[in-house]
Amino acid sequence: MAKARESPTVDVKAGLAAFEEDLPRVLRALDAESIEVLGWKRPSKLVLLVPMTGMIGDKVDQFMLRLGFQAYRTWPPSAQFVNPETGTYVYPQDQSHVPKLTSPECQSHIAYQRPNGGTTQLICCSATFEFYEVLHGVEQHHVWRDTDSFLTTISAIRKALASSYQGRFP
């Protein structure tokens, strides 16, 4: 189980095994036969690309969420919005590929200061790896549990896109 104000540790082998175990369960929960049916892509064993949608009025914006499983299930998946053409995020040129999220449970930052220097894109949500990586404070009932799955992450971000989407970063 993750811990507030504790740096996450990476265990690629365990992360891959947990992801492989959870993927069929998540697909069943979504009543999907495959990731392709959902429009998801898996460019590598530890990466899943998930299309996301934000709406303001009748304007629909498409985004690509990149999940990484290098520390998964003890810690949540890494989560970043990426340029859909490259599958990466480079600040500042890719900031327009990040939705402005302002939910109390899920906010987005295009260049968040890391405790040890430098910046990172941060989806400020206790269901993302980066949230713990920047040593963010969190109430105990919001801390990631090893009974959570990456569907928890996807659902939290989708909920914020549905309720608190403010457009794209410029």
C-alpha atoms as a PDB file:
ATOM      1  CA  MET A   1       0.000   0.000   0.000  1.00  0.00           C
ATOM      2  CA  ALA A   2       1.205   3.493  -0.829  1.00  0.00           C
ATOM      3  CA  LYS A   3       2.053   5.879   1.981  1.00  0.00           C
ATOM      4  CA  ALA A   4       1.543   9.619   2.146  1.00  0.00           C
ATOM      5  CA  ARG A   5       4.734  11.693   2.014  1.00  0.00           C
ATOM      6  CA  GLU A   6       6.847   8.655   1.132  1.00  0.00           C
ATOM      7  CA  SER A   7       8.763   8.367  -2.136  1.00  0.00           C
ATOM      8  CA  PRO A   8       7.540   5.500  -4.281  1.00  0.00           C
ATOM      9  CA  THR A   9       9.854   2.659  -5.110  1.00  0.00           C
ATOM     10  CA  VAL A  10      10.057   1.130  -8.551  1.00  0.00           C
ATOM     11  CA  ASP A  11       9.809  -2.637  -9.042  1.00  0.00           C
ATOM     12  CA  VAL A  12       9.377  -3.217 -12.763  1.00  0.00           C
ATOM     13  CA  LYS A  13       9.031  -7.003 -12.516  1.00  0.00           C
ATOM     14  CA  ALA A  14       6.305  -6.821  -9.844  1.00  0.00           C
ATOM     15  CA  GLY A  15       4.633  -3.925 -11.659  1.00  0.00           C
ATOM     16  CA  LEU A  16       4.427  -5.883 -14.906  1.00  0.00           C
ATOM     17  CA  ALA A  17       3.098  -8.994 -13.142  1.00  0.00           C
ATOM     18  CA  ALA A  18       0.406  -6.968 -11.334  1.00  0.00           C
ATOM     19  CA  PHE A  19      -0.577  -5.182 -14.542  1.00  0.00           C
ATOM     20  CA  GLU A  20      -0.857  -8.488 -16.432  1.00  0.00           C
ATOM     21  CA  GLU A  21      -3.023  -9.849 -13.607  1.00  0.00           C
ATOM     22  CA  ASP A  22      -5.305  -6.807 -13.458  1.00  0.00           C
ATOM     23  CA  LEU A  23      -5.759  -6.190 -17.184  1.00  0.00           C
ATOM     24  CA  PRO A  24      -8.249  -9.055 -17.755  1.00  0.00           C
ATOM     25  CA  ARG A  25     -10.190  -8.032 -14.619  1.00  0.00           C
ATOM     26  CA  VAL A  26     -10.449  -4.429 -15.791  1.00  0.00           C
ATOM     27  CA  LEU A  27     -11.552  -5.527 -19.256  1.00  0.00           C
ATOM     28  CA  ARG A  28     -14.269  -7.722 -17.690  1.00  0.00           C
ATOM     29  CA  ALA A  29     -15.391  -4.834 -15.469  1.00  0.00           C
ATOM     30  CA  LEU A  30     -15.727  -2.669 -18.593  1.00  0.00           C
ATOM     31  CA  ASP A  31     -17.409  -5.515 -20.517  1.00  0.00           C
ATOM     32  CA  ALA A  32     -14.713  -5.339 -23.188  1.00  0.00           C
ATOM     33  CA  GLU A  33     -13.071  -8.230 -24.997  1.00  0.00           C
ATOM     34  CA  SER A  34      -9.799  -6.411 -25.626  1.00  0.00           C
ATOM     35  CA  ILE A  35      -8.004  -3.112 -25.171  1.00  0.00           C
ATOM     36  CA  GLU A  36      -8.518  -2.406 -28.862  1.00  0.00           C
ATOM     37  CA  VAL A  37     -12.313  -2.431 -28.393  1.00  0.00           C
ATOM     38  CA  LEU A  38     -11.843   0.413 -25.888  1.00  0.00           C
ATOM     39  CA  GLY A  39      -9.491   2.320 -28.200  1.00  0.00           C
ATOM     40  CA  TRP A  40      -6.592   1.676 -25.841  1.00  0.00           C
ATOM     41  CA  LYS A  41      -3.066   0.923 -27.062  1.00  0.00           C
ATOM     42  CA  ARG A  42      -0.165  -0.862 -25.413  1.00  0.00           C
ATOM     43  CA  PRO A  43       3.040   0.405 -27.055  1.00  0.00           C
ATOM     44  CA  SER A  44       5.188  -1.527 -24.557  1.00  0.00           C
ATOM     45  CA  LYS A  45       4.692  -4.048 -21.765  1.00  0.00           C
ATOM     46  CA  LEU A  46       4.622  -1.333 -19.083  1.00  0.00           C
ATOM     47  CA  VAL A  47       2.659   1.382 -20.933  1.00  0.00           C
ATOM     48  CA  LEU A  48      -1.027   1.768 -21.690  1.00  0.00           C
ATOM     49  CA  LEU A  49      -2.439   4.660 -23.748  1.00  0.00           C
ATOM     50  CA  VAL A  50      -6.042   5.559 -22.938  1.00  0.00           C
ATOM     51  CA  PRO A  51      -8.059   8.105 -24.955  1.00  0.00           C
ATOM     52  CA  MET A  52      -9.904  10.655 -22.811  1.00  0.00           C
ATOM     53  CA  THR A  53     -12.528  13.262 -23.652  1.00  0.00           C
ATOM     54  CA  GLY A  54     -13.272  16.667 -22.151  1.00  0.00           C
ATOM     55  CA  MET A  55     -16.341  18.757 -22.988  1.00  0.00           C
ATOM     56  CA  ILE A  56     -17.248  22.394 -22.500  1.00  0.00           C
ATOM     57  CA  GLY A  57     -20.703  23.073 -23.870  1.00  0.00           C
ATOM     58  CA  ASP A  58     -20.765  21.420 -27.280  1.00  0.00           C
ATOM     59  CA  LYS A  59     -16.980  21.606 -27.763  1.00  0.00           C
ATOM     60  CA  VAL A  60     -15.306  18.214 -27.440  1.00  0.00           C
ATOM     61  CA  ASP A  61     -11.556  17.913 -26.814  1.00  0.00           C
ATOM     62  CA  GLN A  62      -9.629  14.659 -27.167  1.00  0.00           C
ATOM     63  CA  PHE A  63      -6.665  13.761 -24.951  1.00  0.00           C
ATOM     64  CA  MET A  64      -4.330  10.812 -24.570  1.00  0.00           C
ATOM     65  CA  LEU A  65      -3.536   9.513 -21.079  1.00  0.00           C
ATOM     66  CA  ARG A  66      -0.322   7.512 -20.719  1.00  0.00           C
ATOM     67  CA  LEU A  67      -0.247   5.041 -17.826  1.00  0.00           C
ATOM     68  CA  GLY A  68       3.022   3.443 -16.694  1.00  0.00           C
ATOM     69  CA  PHE A  69       3.218   0.390 -14.471  1.00  0.00           C
ATOM     70  CA  GLN A  70       6.826   0.492 -13.213  1.00  0.00           C
ATOM     71  CA  ALA A  71       5.758   0.456  -9.533  1.00  0.00           C
ATOM     72  CA  TYR A  72       2.238  -0.902  -9.859  1.00  0.00           C
ATOM     73  CA  ARG A  73       0.187  -2.263  -7.557  1.00  0.00           C
ATOM     74  CA  THR A  74       1.995  -1.121  -4.415  1.00  0.00           C
ATOM     75  CA  TRP A  75       1.831   2.336  -5.974  1.00  0.00           C
ATOM     76  CA  PRO A  76      -0.657   3.634  -8.532  1.00  0.00           C
ATOM     77  CA  PRO A  77       0.290   3.802 -12.185  1.00  0.00           C
ATOM     78  CA  SER A  78       2.234   6.733 -13.485  1.00  0.00           C
ATOM     79  CA  ALA A  79      -0.176   9.032 -15.334  1.00  0.00           C
ATOM     80  CA  GLN A  80       0.502  11.844 -17.793  1.00  0.00           C
ATOM     81  CA  PHE A  81      -1.351  13.417 -20.636  1.00  0.00           C
ATOM     82  CA  VAL A  82       0.798  13.086 -23.729  1.00  0.00           C
ATOM     83  CA  ASN A  83       1.016  14.286 -27.292  1.00  0.00           C
ATOM     84  CA  PRO A  84      -1.012  11.603 -29.127  1.00  0.00           C
ATOM     85  CA  GLU A  85       1.412  11.643 -32.072  1.00  0.00           C
ATOM     86  CA  THR A  86       4.552  11.031 -29.997  1.00  0.00           C
ATOM     87  CA  GLY A  87       3.182   9.334 -26.865  1.00  0.00           C
ATOM     88  CA  THR A  88       5.361  11.665 -24.769  1.00  0.00           C
ATOM     89  CA  TYR A  89       5.083  14.957 -22.917  1.00  0.00           C
ATOM     90  CA  VAL A  90       7.724  17.647 -23.395  1.00  0.00           C
ATOM     91  CA  TYR A  91       7.194  20.950 -21.609  1.00  0.00           C
ATOM     92  CA  PRO A  92       6.330  23.550 -22.846  1.00  0.00           C
ATOM     93  CA  GLN A  93       5.611  22.455 -26.426  1.00  0.00           C
ATOM     94  CA  ASP A  94       3.122  19.711 -25.428  1.00  0.00           C
ATOM     95  CA  GLN A  95       1.206  21.629 -22.763  1.00  0.00           C
ATOM     96  CA  SER A  96      -1.797  22.047 -25.084  1.00  0.00           C
ATOM     97  CA  HIS A  97      -2.251  18.260 -24.855  1.00  0.00           C
ATOM     98  CA  VAL A  98      -3.049  18.596 -21.128  1.00  0.00           C
ATOM     99  CA  PRO A  99      -6.590  19.329 -19.931  1.00  0.00           C
ATOM    100  CA  LYS A 100      -7.128  21.923 -17.206  1.00  0.00           C
ATOM    101  CA  LEU A 101      -8.688  19.919 -14.383  1.00  0.00           C
ATOM    102  CA  THR A 102      -9.874  21.752 -11.270  1.00  0.00           C
ATOM    103  CA  SER A 103     -11.670  19.096  -9.237  1.00  0.00           C
ATOM    104  CA  PRO A 104     -10.803  18.978  -5.519  1.00  0.00           C
ATOM    105  CA  GLU A 105      -9.828  15.315  -6.060  1.00  0.00           C
ATOM    106  CA  CYS A 106      -8.019  15.716  -9.377  1.00  0.00           C
ATOM    107  CA  GLN A 107      -6.166  18.752 -10.716  1.00  0.00           C
ATOM    108  CA  SER A 108      -3.628  19.078 -13.493  1.00  0.00           C
ATOM    109  CA  HIS A 109      -0.369  21.030 -13.562  1.00  0.00           C
ATOM    110  CA  ILE A 110       1.780  21.366 -16.660  1.00  0.00           C
ATOM    111  CA  ALA A 111       5.049  22.069 -14.780  1.00  0.00           C
ATOM    112  CA  TYR A 112       4.928  21.130 -11.092  1.00  0.00           C
ATOM    113  CA  GLN A 113       8.077  21.645  -8.995  1.00  0.00           C
ATOM    114  CA  ARG A 114       9.673  18.402  -7.823  1.00  0.00           C
ATOM    115  CA  PRO A 115      10.953  18.362  -4.223  1.00  0.00           C
ATOM    116  CA  ASN A 116      14.511  17.610  -5.428  1.00  0.00           C
ATOM    117  CA  GLY A 117      14.462  20.114  -8.294  1.00  0.00           C
ATOM    118  CA  GLY A 118      13.129  20.159 -11.809  1.00  0.00           C
ATOM    119  CA  THR A 119       9.540  20.019 -12.948  1.00  0.00           C
ATOM    120  CA  THR A 120       7.049  17.376 -13.990  1.00  0.00           C
ATOM    121  CA  GLN A 121       3.546  17.290 -15.352  1.00  0.00           C
ATOM    122  CA  LEU A 122       1.356  16.382 -12.418  1.00  0.00           C
ATOM    123  CA  ILE A 123      -2.132  14.981 -12.383  1.00  0.00           C
ATOM    124  CA  CYS A 124      -2.703  15.876  -8.762  1.00  0.00           C
ATOM    125  CA  CYS A 125      -4.717  12.843  -7.706  1.00  0.00           C
ATOM    126  CA  SER A 126      -3.948  10.170  -5.121  1.00  0.00           C
ATOM    127  CA  ALA A 127      -4.483   7.548  -7.846  1.00  0.00           C
ATOM    128  CA  THR A 128      -1.299   8.584  -9.730  1.00  0.00           C
ATOM    129  CA  PHE A 129       2.341   7.675  -9.095  1.00  0.00           C
ATOM    130  CA  GLU A 130       3.546  11.264  -9.552  1.00  0.00           C
ATOM    131  CA  PHE A 131       1.285  12.468  -6.728  1.00  0.00           C
ATOM    132  CA  TYR A 132       3.372  10.411  -4.293  1.00  0.00           C
ATOM    133  CA  GLU A 133       6.621  11.108  -6.145  1.00  0.00           C
ATOM    134  CA  VAL A 134       6.304  14.843  -5.339  1.00  0.00           C
ATOM    135  CA  LEU A 135       5.558  13.925  -1.689  1.00  0.00           C
ATOM    136  CA  HIS A 136       2.069  15.397  -1.802  1.00  0.00           C
ATOM    137  CA  GLY A 137       0.065  15.310   1.417  1.00  0.00           C
ATOM    138  CA  VAL A 138      -3.083  13.185   1.414  1.00  0.00           C
ATOM    139  CA  GLU A 139      -5.793  12.167   3.850  1.00  0.00           C
ATOM    140  CA  GLN A 140      -5.538   8.506   4.832  1.00  0.00           C
ATOM    141  CA  HIS A 141      -8.871   7.532   3.281  1.00  0.00           C
ATOM    142  CA  HIS A 142      -7.611   8.734  -0.137  1.00  0.00           C
ATOM    143  CA  VAL A 143      -4.305   6.825  -0.061  1.00  0.00           C
ATOM    144  CA  TRP A 144      -3.825   4.232  -2.814  1.00  0.00           C
ATOM    145  CA  ARG A 145      -4.416   0.692  -1.594  1.00  0.00           C
ATOM    146  CA  ASP A 146      -3.029  -2.440  -3.169  1.00  0.00           C
ATOM    147  CA  THR A 147      -6.635  -3.561  -3.697  1.00  0.00           C
ATOM    148  CA  ASP A 148      -7.078  -0.628  -6.121  1.00  0.00           C
ATOM    149  CA  SER A 149      -6.468  -1.157  -9.822  1.00  0.00           C
ATOM    150  CA  PHE A 150      -5.522   1.105 -12.686  1.00  0.00           C
ATOM    151  CA  LEU A 151      -9.257   1.416 -13.374  1.00  0.00           C
ATOM    152  CA  THR A 152      -9.333   3.524 -10.187  1.00  0.00           C
ATOM    153  CA  THR A 153      -6.904   5.931 -11.866  1.00  0.00           C
ATOM    154  CA  ILE A 154      -8.797   6.040 -15.150  1.00  0.00           C
ATOM    155  CA  SER A 155     -12.118   6.542 -13.350  1.00  0.00           C
ATOM    156  CA  ALA A 156     -10.817   9.371 -11.157  1.00  0.00           C
ATOM    157  CA  ILE A 157      -9.457  11.253 -14.171  1.00  0.00           C
ATOM    158  CA  ARG A 158     -12.601  10.637 -16.237  1.00  0.00           C
ATOM    159  CA  LYS A 159     -14.710  11.926 -13.342  1.00  0.00           C
ATOM    160  CA  ALA A 160     -12.638  15.127 -13.211  1.00  0.00           C
ATOM    161  CA  LEU A 161     -12.918  15.541 -16.994  1.00  0.00           C
ATOM    162  CA  ALA A 162     -16.701  15.178 -16.726  1.00  0.00           C
ATOM    163  CA  SER A 163     -17.150  17.559 -13.788  1.00  0.00           C
ATOM    164  CA  SER A 164     -14.233  20.007 -13.687  1.00  0.00           C
ATOM    165  CA  TYR A 165     -12.778  20.366 -17.176  1.00  0.00           C
ATOM    166  CA  GLN A 166     -11.782  23.963 -18.002  1.00  0.00           C
ATOM    167  CA  GLY A 167     -10.357  23.542 -21.503  1.00  0.00           C
ATOM    168  CA  ARG A 168      -6.809  22.942 -22.688  1.00  0.00           C
ATOM    169  CA  PHE A 169      -3.686  24.594 -21.393  1.00  0.00           C
ATOM    170  CA  PRO A 170      -2.583  27.179 -23.984  1.00  0.00           C
END
